[in-house]
Amino acid sequence: MGLDEDVRLWGDVRSKIVSKLSNEHFKIMCVLHSKYFKHRYNEPCTCNKRILRQWILDLDNKLLK
């Protein structure tokens, strides 16, 4: 996928994140974060809300601004 597709995908996912992150959206977030922040794919523990919020913010800043 290219940058434009990733921006659209993340914008769609981001608009659906209200209070909970579905498993599908979680996996998309993990794929995009590993791609744009150049690390191996990994899934942080969903119990660590601080990391999840940081990854969402990272992707917002990278793809939506």
C-alpha atoms as a PDB file:
ATOM      1  CA  MET A   1       0.000   0.000   0.000  1.00  0.00           C
ATOM      2  CA  GLY A   2       1.126   3.518  -0.732  1.00  0.00           C
ATOM      3  CA  LEU A   3       1.047   6.602   1.452  1.00  0.00           C
ATOM      4  CA  ASP A   4      -2.289   7.869   0.094  1.00  0.00           C
ATOM      5  CA  GLU A   5      -3.955   4.511   0.753  1.00  0.00           C
ATOM      6  CA  ASP A   6      -2.455   4.382   4.255  1.00  0.00           C
ATOM      7  CA  VAL A   7      -3.677   7.917   5.001  1.00  0.00           C
ATOM      8  CA  ARG A   8      -7.202   6.982   3.905  1.00  0.00           C
ATOM      9  CA  LEU A   9      -7.096   3.700   5.833  1.00  0.00           C
ATOM     10  CA  TRP A  10      -5.847   5.335   9.037  1.00  0.00           C
ATOM     11  CA  GLY A  11      -8.358   8.188   8.673  1.00  0.00           C
ATOM     12  CA  ASP A  12     -11.164   5.652   8.412  1.00  0.00           C
ATOM     13  CA  VAL A  13      -9.902   3.599  11.359  1.00  0.00           C
ATOM     14  CA  ARG A  14      -9.249   6.725  13.444  1.00  0.00           C
ATOM     15  CA  SER A  15     -12.776   8.022  12.915  1.00  0.00           C
ATOM     16  CA  LYS A  16     -14.148   4.768  14.349  1.00  0.00           C
ATOM     17  CA  ILE A  17     -11.981   4.744  17.482  1.00  0.00           C
ATOM     18  CA  VAL A  18     -14.141   6.220  20.217  1.00  0.00           C
ATOM     19  CA  SER A  19     -13.550   4.414  23.482  1.00  0.00           C
ATOM     20  CA  LYS A  20     -12.587   0.918  22.392  1.00  0.00           C
ATOM     21  CA  LEU A  21     -10.269  -0.406  19.728  1.00  0.00           C
ATOM     22  CA  SER A  22     -11.614  -3.379  17.784  1.00  0.00           C
ATOM     23  CA  ASN A  23      -9.257  -6.261  17.074  1.00  0.00           C
ATOM     24  CA  GLU A  24      -9.277  -5.436  13.347  1.00  0.00           C
ATOM     25  CA  HIS A  25      -8.409  -1.773  13.985  1.00  0.00           C
ATOM     26  CA  PHE A  26      -5.756  -2.790  16.525  1.00  0.00           C
ATOM     27  CA  LYS A  27      -4.002  -4.941  13.924  1.00  0.00           C
ATOM     28  CA  ILE A  28      -4.165  -2.166  11.301  1.00  0.00           C
ATOM     29  CA  MET A  29      -2.657   0.244  13.830  1.00  0.00           C
ATOM     30  CA  CYS A  30       0.170  -2.212  14.559  1.00  0.00           C
ATOM     31  CA  VAL A  31       0.937  -2.727  10.853  1.00  0.00           C
ATOM     32  CA  LEU A  32       0.957   0.997  10.093  1.00  0.00           C
ATOM     33  CA  HIS A  33       3.022   1.872  13.163  1.00  0.00           C
ATOM     34  CA  SER A  34       5.667  -0.717  12.304  1.00  0.00           C
ATOM     35  CA  LYS A  35       5.754   0.534   8.703  1.00  0.00           C
ATOM     36  CA  TYR A  36       6.069   4.251   9.434  1.00  0.00           C
ATOM     37  CA  PHE A  37       8.190   4.017  12.566  1.00  0.00           C
ATOM     38  CA  LYS A  38      10.478   1.348  11.128  1.00  0.00           C
ATOM     39  CA  HIS A  39      10.253  -1.422  13.671  1.00  0.00           C
ATOM     40  CA  ARG A  40       9.266  -5.044  13.524  1.00  0.00           C
ATOM     41  CA  TYR A  41       5.574  -5.780  13.683  1.00  0.00           C
ATOM     42  CA  ASN A  42       4.512  -6.309  17.243  1.00  0.00           C
ATOM     43  CA  GLU A  43       1.314  -6.051  19.210  1.00  0.00           C
ATOM     44  CA  PRO A  44       1.648  -4.178  22.479  1.00  0.00           C
ATOM     45  CA  CYS A  45      -0.362  -5.488  25.383  1.00  0.00           C
ATOM     46  CA  THR A  46      -3.844  -4.032  25.204  1.00  0.00           C
ATOM     47  CA  CYS A  47      -3.693  -3.537  28.961  1.00  0.00           C
ATOM     48  CA  ASN A  48      -1.119  -0.783  28.425  1.00  0.00           C
ATOM     49  CA  LYS A  49      -3.377   2.120  27.465  1.00  0.00           C
ATOM     50  CA  ARG A  50      -0.484   4.594  27.530  1.00  0.00           C
ATOM     51  CA  ILE A  51       1.309   2.797  24.670  1.00  0.00           C
ATOM     52  CA  LEU A  52      -1.907   2.431  22.665  1.00  0.00           C
ATOM     53  CA  ARG A  53      -2.675   6.144  23.034  1.00  0.00           C
ATOM     54  CA  GLN A  54       0.907   6.997  22.054  1.00  0.00           C
ATOM     55  CA  TRP A  55       0.771   4.824  18.931  1.00  0.00           C
ATOM     56  CA  ILE A  56      -2.544   6.410  17.910  1.00  0.00           C
ATOM     57  CA  LEU A  57      -1.052   9.868  18.430  1.00  0.00           C
ATOM     58  CA  ASP A  58       2.098   8.885  16.508  1.00  0.00           C
ATOM     59  CA  LEU A  59       0.033   7.770  13.521  1.00  0.00           C
ATOM     60  CA  ASP A  60      -2.218  10.831  13.718  1.00  0.00           C
ATOM     61  CA  ASN A  61       0.834  13.109  13.608  1.00  0.00           C
ATOM     62  CA  LYS A  62       2.501  11.151  10.801  1.00  0.00           C
ATOM     63  CA  LEU A  63      -0.476  10.481   8.532  1.00  0.00           C
ATOM     64  CA  LEU A  64      -3.211  12.981   9.299  1.00  0.00           C
ATOM     65  CA  LYS A  65      -1.307  16.274   9.544  1.00  0.00           C
END
